[in-house]
């Protein structure tokens, strides 16, 4: 894990600022809620260890995972200075996690002491905003098949193979696509019958790239 956000600071300067400021480091178990939807955001969080997801629970019970964070990732930075600084969705620990909670006042002090830190923080905020926009565009007004195809095309270019290795379960994939597990299974079966894919528990084989 690399905390590149803090690289502009000399070690002694960094330790001095943190020593004179309030912050917390908390541990979370898998499935534990870190921030509830509509909870006020008073600072930013840095994931030191583990995995965390931003989730929206829809009225029909579907869980839509908007983003998944891993070690070194920053979240909440885009909310703490907003006039509407409430979490729009619930933040949940996906595994045993350790999180550094940095209050808004300490973030301001770090920014004032080092402009390079402020630039890196603004870059993080901008990048997260783009990821959220891409996710919303990916799921809005698209059928289940279109969402699956978007996912497969992305993984095809990422893995450079028509044999897509799944590092998540079908349940987790359904949550990321914003559909029910049963709906995902039915559509995968239809795509298999249409000659587009083959699949098992660990892989999805793209049989027709043109079909995607």
C-alpha atoms as a PDB file:
ATOM      1  CA  UNK A   1       0.000   0.000   0.000  1.00  0.00           C
ATOM      2  CA  UNK A   2       1.277   3.464  -0.893  1.00  0.00           C
ATOM      3  CA  UNK A   3      -0.072   6.599   0.789  1.00  0.00           C
ATOM      4  CA  UNK A   4       1.026   8.818  -2.088  1.00  0.00           C
ATOM      5  CA  UNK A   5      -1.161  11.629  -0.777  1.00  0.00           C
ATOM      6  CA  UNK A   6       1.397  12.283   1.987  1.00  0.00           C
ATOM      7  CA  UNK A   7       4.578  11.931  -0.071  1.00  0.00           C
ATOM      8  CA  UNK A   8       5.132  15.728  -0.351  1.00  0.00           C
ATOM      9  CA  UNK A   9       5.777  15.888   3.432  1.00  0.00           C
ATOM     10  CA  UNK A  10       9.081  15.316   5.152  1.00  0.00           C
ATOM     11  CA  UNK A  11       8.708  12.661   7.833  1.00  0.00           C
ATOM     12  CA  UNK A  12       9.393  15.014  10.770  1.00  0.00           C
ATOM     13  CA  UNK A  13       6.997  17.642   9.421  1.00  0.00           C
ATOM     14  CA  UNK A  14       4.306  15.021   8.861  1.00  0.00           C
ATOM     15  CA  UNK A  15       4.675  13.557  12.363  1.00  0.00           C
ATOM     16  CA  UNK A  16       4.633  17.015  13.955  1.00  0.00           C
ATOM     17  CA  UNK A  17       1.360  17.969  12.257  1.00  0.00           C
ATOM     18  CA  UNK A  18      -0.349  14.703  13.172  1.00  0.00           C
ATOM     19  CA  UNK A  19       0.987  14.760  16.728  1.00  0.00           C
ATOM     20  CA  UNK A  20      -0.674  18.125  17.350  1.00  0.00           C
ATOM     21  CA  UNK A  21      -3.999  17.204  15.714  1.00  0.00           C
ATOM     22  CA  UNK A  22      -6.991  14.990  16.344  1.00  0.00           C
ATOM     23  CA  UNK A  23      -7.457  11.877  14.224  1.00  0.00           C
ATOM     24  CA  UNK A  24      -8.538   8.294  14.789  1.00  0.00           C
ATOM     25  CA  UNK A  25      -7.565   4.871  13.443  1.00  0.00           C
ATOM     26  CA  UNK A  26     -10.420   2.365  13.707  1.00  0.00           C
ATOM     27  CA  UNK A  27     -10.820  -1.319  12.894  1.00  0.00           C
ATOM     28  CA  UNK A  28     -13.936  -2.741  11.218  1.00  0.00           C
ATOM     29  CA  UNK A  29     -15.190  -6.291  10.715  1.00  0.00           C
ATOM     30  CA  UNK A  30     -16.561  -7.647   7.460  1.00  0.00           C
ATOM     31  CA  UNK A  31     -20.105  -6.390   6.866  1.00  0.00           C
ATOM     32  CA  UNK A  32     -19.816  -3.597   9.430  1.00  0.00           C
ATOM     33  CA  UNK A  33     -21.279  -0.224   8.441  1.00  0.00           C
ATOM     34  CA  UNK A  34     -18.702   2.571   8.453  1.00  0.00           C
ATOM     35  CA  UNK A  35     -20.988   5.434   7.412  1.00  0.00           C
ATOM     36  CA  UNK A  36     -24.766   5.343   7.033  1.00  0.00           C
ATOM     37  CA  UNK A  37     -26.594   6.992   4.169  1.00  0.00           C
ATOM     38  CA  UNK A  38     -27.484  10.597   5.162  1.00  0.00           C
ATOM     39  CA  UNK A  39     -24.831  10.638   7.919  1.00  0.00           C
ATOM     40  CA  UNK A  40     -22.915  13.922   8.024  1.00  0.00           C
ATOM     41  CA  UNK A  41     -19.359  13.805   6.659  1.00  0.00           C
ATOM     42  CA  UNK A  42     -16.877  15.693   8.851  1.00  0.00           C
ATOM     43  CA  UNK A  43     -13.605  14.538   7.286  1.00  0.00           C
ATOM     44  CA  UNK A  44     -11.966  12.131   4.885  1.00  0.00           C
ATOM     45  CA  UNK A  45     -11.064   8.487   5.363  1.00  0.00           C
ATOM     46  CA  UNK A  46      -7.970   6.630   4.180  1.00  0.00           C
ATOM     47  CA  UNK A  47      -8.201   2.854   3.934  1.00  0.00           C
ATOM     48  CA  UNK A  48      -5.005   1.460   5.449  1.00  0.00           C
ATOM     49  CA  UNK A  49      -5.956  -2.217   5.128  1.00  0.00           C
ATOM     50  CA  UNK A  50      -8.876  -4.217   3.759  1.00  0.00           C
ATOM     51  CA  UNK A  51     -11.672  -3.471   1.326  1.00  0.00           C
ATOM     52  CA  UNK A  52     -14.638  -1.078   1.536  1.00  0.00           C
ATOM     53  CA  UNK A  53     -17.625  -0.529  -0.759  1.00  0.00           C
ATOM     54  CA  UNK A  54     -20.118   2.277  -1.321  1.00  0.00           C
ATOM     55  CA  UNK A  55     -23.584   0.716  -1.570  1.00  0.00           C
ATOM     56  CA  UNK A  56     -27.117   1.762  -2.342  1.00  0.00           C
ATOM     57  CA  UNK A  57     -29.961  -0.474  -1.136  1.00  0.00           C
ATOM     58  CA  UNK A  58     -32.909  -0.057  -3.483  1.00  0.00           C
ATOM     59  CA  UNK A  59     -36.584  -0.392  -2.562  1.00  0.00           C
ATOM     60  CA  UNK A  60     -36.804  -3.922  -3.997  1.00  0.00           C
ATOM     61  CA  UNK A  61     -33.876  -5.025  -1.826  1.00  0.00           C
ATOM     62  CA  UNK A  62     -31.233  -4.981  -4.568  1.00  0.00           C
ATOM     63  CA  UNK A  63     -27.779  -3.863  -3.472  1.00  0.00           C
ATOM     64  CA  UNK A  64     -25.934  -1.690  -5.983  1.00  0.00           C
ATOM     65  CA  UNK A  65     -22.208  -1.279  -5.354  1.00  0.00           C
ATOM     66  CA  UNK A  66     -21.144   2.070  -6.744  1.00  0.00           C
ATOM     67  CA  UNK A  67     -17.452   1.848  -5.825  1.00  0.00           C
ATOM     68  CA  UNK A  68     -15.072  -0.581  -4.147  1.00  0.00           C
ATOM     69  CA  UNK A  69     -11.989   0.770  -2.354  1.00  0.00           C
ATOM     70  CA  UNK A  70      -8.803  -1.072  -1.396  1.00  0.00           C
ATOM     71  CA  UNK A  71      -5.693  -0.270   0.657  1.00  0.00           C
ATOM     72  CA  UNK A  72      -4.454   3.312   0.195  1.00  0.00           C
ATOM     73  CA  UNK A  73      -7.712   4.622  -1.279  1.00  0.00           C
ATOM     74  CA  UNK A  74      -9.306   7.840  -0.036  1.00  0.00           C
ATOM     75  CA  UNK A  75     -13.045   8.401   0.366  1.00  0.00           C
ATOM     76  CA  UNK A  76     -15.221  11.159   1.797  1.00  0.00           C
ATOM     77  CA  UNK A  77     -12.835  13.876   0.580  1.00  0.00           C
ATOM     78  CA  UNK A  78     -15.379  15.112  -1.964  1.00  0.00           C
ATOM     79  CA  UNK A  79     -18.040  15.564   0.732  1.00  0.00           C
ATOM     80  CA  UNK A  80     -16.381  17.188   3.736  1.00  0.00           C
ATOM     81  CA  UNK A  81     -16.348  20.757   2.323  1.00  0.00           C
ATOM     82  CA  UNK A  82     -19.655  20.462   0.498  1.00  0.00           C
ATOM     83  CA  UNK A  83     -22.710  22.466   1.541  1.00  0.00           C
ATOM     84  CA  UNK A  84     -24.536  19.107   1.307  1.00  0.00           C
ATOM     85  CA  UNK A  85     -22.004  17.068   3.256  1.00  0.00           C
ATOM     86  CA  UNK A  86     -24.160  13.996   3.905  1.00  0.00           C
ATOM     87  CA  UNK A  87     -23.163  10.567   2.631  1.00  0.00           C
ATOM     88  CA  UNK A  88     -25.507   9.846  -0.309  1.00  0.00           C
ATOM     89  CA  UNK A  89     -25.025   6.095   0.165  1.00  0.00           C
ATOM     90  CA  UNK A  90     -23.890   3.632   2.819  1.00  0.00           C
ATOM     91  CA  UNK A  91     -20.206   2.758   3.243  1.00  0.00           C
ATOM     92  CA  UNK A  92     -19.636  -0.867   4.274  1.00  0.00           C
ATOM     93  CA  UNK A  93     -16.519  -2.824   5.177  1.00  0.00           C
ATOM     94  CA  UNK A  94     -16.117  -5.743   2.738  1.00  0.00           C
ATOM     95  CA  UNK A  95     -13.458  -7.423   4.889  1.00  0.00           C
ATOM     96  CA  UNK A  96     -11.560  -6.775   8.086  1.00  0.00           C
ATOM     97  CA  UNK A  97     -10.460  -3.191   7.534  1.00  0.00           C
ATOM     98  CA  UNK A  98      -8.374  -0.493   9.199  1.00  0.00           C
ATOM     99  CA  UNK A  99      -9.268   3.122   8.427  1.00  0.00           C
ATOM    100  CA  UNK A 100      -7.552   6.405   9.223  1.00  0.00           C
ATOM    101  CA  UNK A 101     -10.192   9.074   9.884  1.00  0.00           C
ATOM    102  CA  UNK A 102      -8.848  12.585   9.236  1.00  0.00           C
ATOM    103  CA  UNK A 103     -11.137  15.457  10.332  1.00  0.00           C
ATOM    104  CA  UNK A 104     -11.722  18.481   8.117  1.00  0.00           C
ATOM    105  CA  UNK A 105      -9.604  20.725  10.344  1.00  0.00           C
ATOM    106  CA  UNK A 106      -6.539  18.476   9.974  1.00  0.00           C
ATOM    107  CA  UNK A 107      -7.066  18.293   6.199  1.00  0.00           C
ATOM    108  CA  UNK A 108      -7.021  22.109   6.066  1.00  0.00           C
ATOM    109  CA  UNK A 109      -3.836  22.227   8.142  1.00  0.00           C
ATOM    110  CA  UNK A 110      -2.118  19.714   5.847  1.00  0.00           C
ATOM    111  CA  UNK A 111      -3.188  21.713   2.772  1.00  0.00           C
ATOM    112  CA  UNK A 112      -1.954  24.996   4.236  1.00  0.00           C
ATOM    113  CA  UNK A 113       1.414  23.482   5.155  1.00  0.00           C
ATOM    114  CA  UNK A 114       2.059  21.899   1.773  1.00  0.00           C
ATOM    115  CA  UNK A 115       0.499  23.018  -1.545  1.00  0.00           C
ATOM    116  CA  UNK A 116       1.633  19.755  -3.200  1.00  0.00           C
ATOM    117  CA  UNK A 117      -0.567  17.850  -0.756  1.00  0.00           C
ATOM    118  CA  UNK A 118      -3.519  20.080  -1.687  1.00  0.00           C
ATOM    119  CA  UNK A 119      -2.943  19.433  -5.405  1.00  0.00           C
ATOM    120  CA  UNK A 120      -2.837  15.655  -4.821  1.00  0.00           C
ATOM    121  CA  UNK A 121      -6.002  15.834  -2.740  1.00  0.00           C
ATOM    122  CA  UNK A 122      -7.816  17.809  -5.460  1.00  0.00           C
ATOM    123  CA  UNK A 123      -6.690  15.178  -7.982  1.00  0.00           C
ATOM    124  CA  UNK A 124      -8.124  12.420  -5.787  1.00  0.00           C
ATOM    125  CA  UNK A 125     -11.436  14.276  -5.502  1.00  0.00           C
ATOM    126  CA  UNK A 126     -11.589  14.858  -9.275  1.00  0.00           C
ATOM    127  CA  UNK A 127     -10.752  11.235 -10.099  1.00  0.00           C
ATOM    128  CA  UNK A 128     -13.425   9.913  -7.715  1.00  0.00           C
ATOM    129  CA  UNK A 129     -15.997  12.243  -9.282  1.00  0.00           C
ATOM    130  CA  UNK A 130     -15.195  10.851 -12.739  1.00  0.00           C
ATOM    131  CA  UNK A 131     -15.466   7.262 -11.490  1.00  0.00           C
ATOM    132  CA  UNK A 132     -18.893   8.002 -10.016  1.00  0.00           C
ATOM    133  CA  UNK A 133     -20.056   9.674 -13.238  1.00  0.00           C
ATOM    134  CA  UNK A 134     -18.840   6.692 -15.298  1.00  0.00           C
ATOM    135  CA  UNK A 135     -20.660   4.285 -12.979  1.00  0.00           C
ATOM    136  CA  UNK A 136     -23.935   6.215 -13.208  1.00  0.00           C
ATOM    137  CA  UNK A 137     -23.662   6.326 -17.007  1.00  0.00           C
ATOM    138  CA  UNK A 138     -22.909   2.612 -17.097  1.00  0.00           C
ATOM    139  CA  UNK A 139     -26.052   1.576 -15.223  1.00  0.00           C
ATOM    140  CA  UNK A 140     -28.610   4.166 -16.287  1.00  0.00           C
ATOM    141  CA  UNK A 141     -31.248   3.068 -18.795  1.00  0.00           C
ATOM    142  CA  UNK A 142     -29.340  -0.129 -19.695  1.00  0.00           C
ATOM    143  CA  UNK A 143     -30.677  -3.658 -19.802  1.00  0.00           C
ATOM    144  CA  UNK A 144     -29.114  -6.428 -17.743  1.00  0.00           C
ATOM    145  CA  UNK A 145     -27.479  -7.825 -20.880  1.00  0.00           C
ATOM    146  CA  UNK A 146     -25.976  -4.448 -21.759  1.00  0.00           C
ATOM    147  CA  UNK A 147     -24.548  -4.133 -18.251  1.00  0.00           C
ATOM    148  CA  UNK A 148     -23.030  -7.617 -18.479  1.00  0.00           C
ATOM    149  CA  UNK A 149     -21.579  -6.872 -21.900  1.00  0.00           C
ATOM    150  CA  UNK A 150     -20.054  -3.604 -20.674  1.00  0.00           C
ATOM    151  CA  UNK A 151     -18.422  -5.506 -17.817  1.00  0.00           C
ATOM    152  CA  UNK A 152     -17.101  -8.250 -20.124  1.00  0.00           C
ATOM    153  CA  UNK A 153     -15.712  -5.750 -22.647  1.00  0.00           C
ATOM    154  CA  UNK A 154     -13.923  -3.885 -19.881  1.00  0.00           C
ATOM    155  CA  UNK A 155     -12.434  -7.074 -18.429  1.00  0.00           C
ATOM    156  CA  UNK A 156     -11.494  -8.336 -21.917  1.00  0.00           C
ATOM    157  CA  UNK A 157      -9.306  -5.272 -22.480  1.00  0.00           C
ATOM    158  CA  UNK A 158      -7.983  -5.384 -18.911  1.00  0.00           C
ATOM    159  CA  UNK A 159      -7.103  -9.106 -18.897  1.00  0.00           C
ATOM    160  CA  UNK A 160      -6.268  -9.255 -22.625  1.00  0.00           C
ATOM    161  CA  UNK A 161      -8.033 -12.563 -22.976  1.00  0.00           C
ATOM    162  CA  UNK A 162     -11.457 -13.850 -23.998  1.00  0.00           C
ATOM    163  CA  UNK A 163     -11.333 -16.057 -20.899  1.00  0.00           C
ATOM    164  CA  UNK A 164     -12.404 -13.672 -18.150  1.00  0.00           C
ATOM    165  CA  UNK A 165     -11.208 -14.723 -14.697  1.00  0.00           C
ATOM    166  CA  UNK A 166     -13.709 -13.742 -12.019  1.00  0.00           C
ATOM    167  CA  UNK A 167     -12.124 -12.484  -8.802  1.00  0.00           C
ATOM    168  CA  UNK A 168     -15.556 -11.905  -7.287  1.00  0.00           C
ATOM    169  CA  UNK A 169     -18.566 -14.150  -6.737  1.00  0.00           C
ATOM    170  CA  UNK A 170     -21.688 -14.053  -8.919  1.00  0.00           C
ATOM    171  CA  UNK A 171     -23.471 -12.442  -5.964  1.00  0.00           C
ATOM    172  CA  UNK A 172     -20.879  -9.658  -5.817  1.00  0.00           C
ATOM    173  CA  UNK A 173     -21.026  -9.232  -9.596  1.00  0.00           C
ATOM    174  CA  UNK A 174     -24.800  -8.855  -9.407  1.00  0.00           C
ATOM    175  CA  UNK A 175     -24.407  -6.188  -6.711  1.00  0.00           C
ATOM    176  CA  UNK A 176     -21.898  -4.255  -8.816  1.00  0.00           C
ATOM    177  CA  UNK A 177     -24.221  -4.395 -11.814  1.00  0.00           C
ATOM    178  CA  UNK A 178     -27.199  -3.387  -9.691  1.00  0.00           C
ATOM    179  CA  UNK A 179     -29.327  -6.472 -10.438  1.00  0.00           C
ATOM    180  CA  UNK A 180     -30.663  -9.426  -8.497  1.00  0.00           C
ATOM    181  CA  UNK A 181     -28.516 -12.565  -8.371  1.00  0.00           C
ATOM    182  CA  UNK A 182     -31.315 -14.593  -9.982  1.00  0.00           C
ATOM    183  CA  UNK A 183     -31.711 -12.045 -12.803  1.00  0.00           C
ATOM    184  CA  UNK A 184     -27.986 -12.203 -13.527  1.00  0.00           C
ATOM    185  CA  UNK A 185     -28.125 -16.004 -13.653  1.00  0.00           C
ATOM    186  CA  UNK A 186     -31.070 -16.006 -16.074  1.00  0.00           C
ATOM    187  CA  UNK A 187     -29.383 -13.516 -18.412  1.00  0.00           C
ATOM    188  CA  UNK A 188     -26.097 -15.425 -18.381  1.00  0.00           C
ATOM    189  CA  UNK A 189     -28.026 -18.567 -19.357  1.00  0.00           C
ATOM    190  CA  UNK A 190     -29.708 -16.687 -22.220  1.00  0.00           C
ATOM    191  CA  UNK A 191     -26.341 -15.399 -23.420  1.00  0.00           C
ATOM    192  CA  UNK A 192     -25.001 -18.953 -23.319  1.00  0.00           C
ATOM    193  CA  UNK A 193     -27.964 -20.209 -25.388  1.00  0.00           C
ATOM    194  CA  UNK A 194     -27.364 -17.362 -27.858  1.00  0.00           C
ATOM    195  CA  UNK A 195     -23.793 -18.572 -28.318  1.00  0.00           C
ATOM    196  CA  UNK A 196     -22.196 -15.462 -26.825  1.00  0.00           C
ATOM    197  CA  UNK A 197     -20.526 -16.962 -23.746  1.00  0.00           C
ATOM    198  CA  UNK A 198     -19.730 -20.052 -21.718  1.00  0.00           C
ATOM    199  CA  UNK A 199     -19.215 -19.775 -17.992  1.00  0.00           C
ATOM    200  CA  UNK A 200     -18.586 -21.576 -14.726  1.00  0.00           C
ATOM    201  CA  UNK A 201     -18.022 -20.444 -11.155  1.00  0.00           C
ATOM    202  CA  UNK A 202     -14.583 -18.958 -11.833  1.00  0.00           C
ATOM    203  CA  UNK A 203     -14.602 -17.808 -15.469  1.00  0.00           C
ATOM    204  CA  UNK A 204     -16.698 -16.382 -18.276  1.00  0.00           C
ATOM    205  CA  UNK A 205     -15.529 -17.292 -21.792  1.00  0.00           C
ATOM    206  CA  UNK A 206     -16.406 -14.813 -24.521  1.00  0.00           C
ATOM    207  CA  UNK A 207     -17.262 -16.896 -27.584  1.00  0.00           C
ATOM    208  CA  UNK A 208     -18.327 -14.033 -29.847  1.00  0.00           C
ATOM    209  CA  UNK A 209     -16.541 -10.689 -29.552  1.00  0.00           C
ATOM    210  CA  UNK A 210     -18.713  -9.298 -32.347  1.00  0.00           C
ATOM    211  CA  UNK A 211     -21.768 -10.196 -30.298  1.00  0.00           C
ATOM    212  CA  UNK A 212     -20.528  -7.963 -27.508  1.00  0.00           C
END
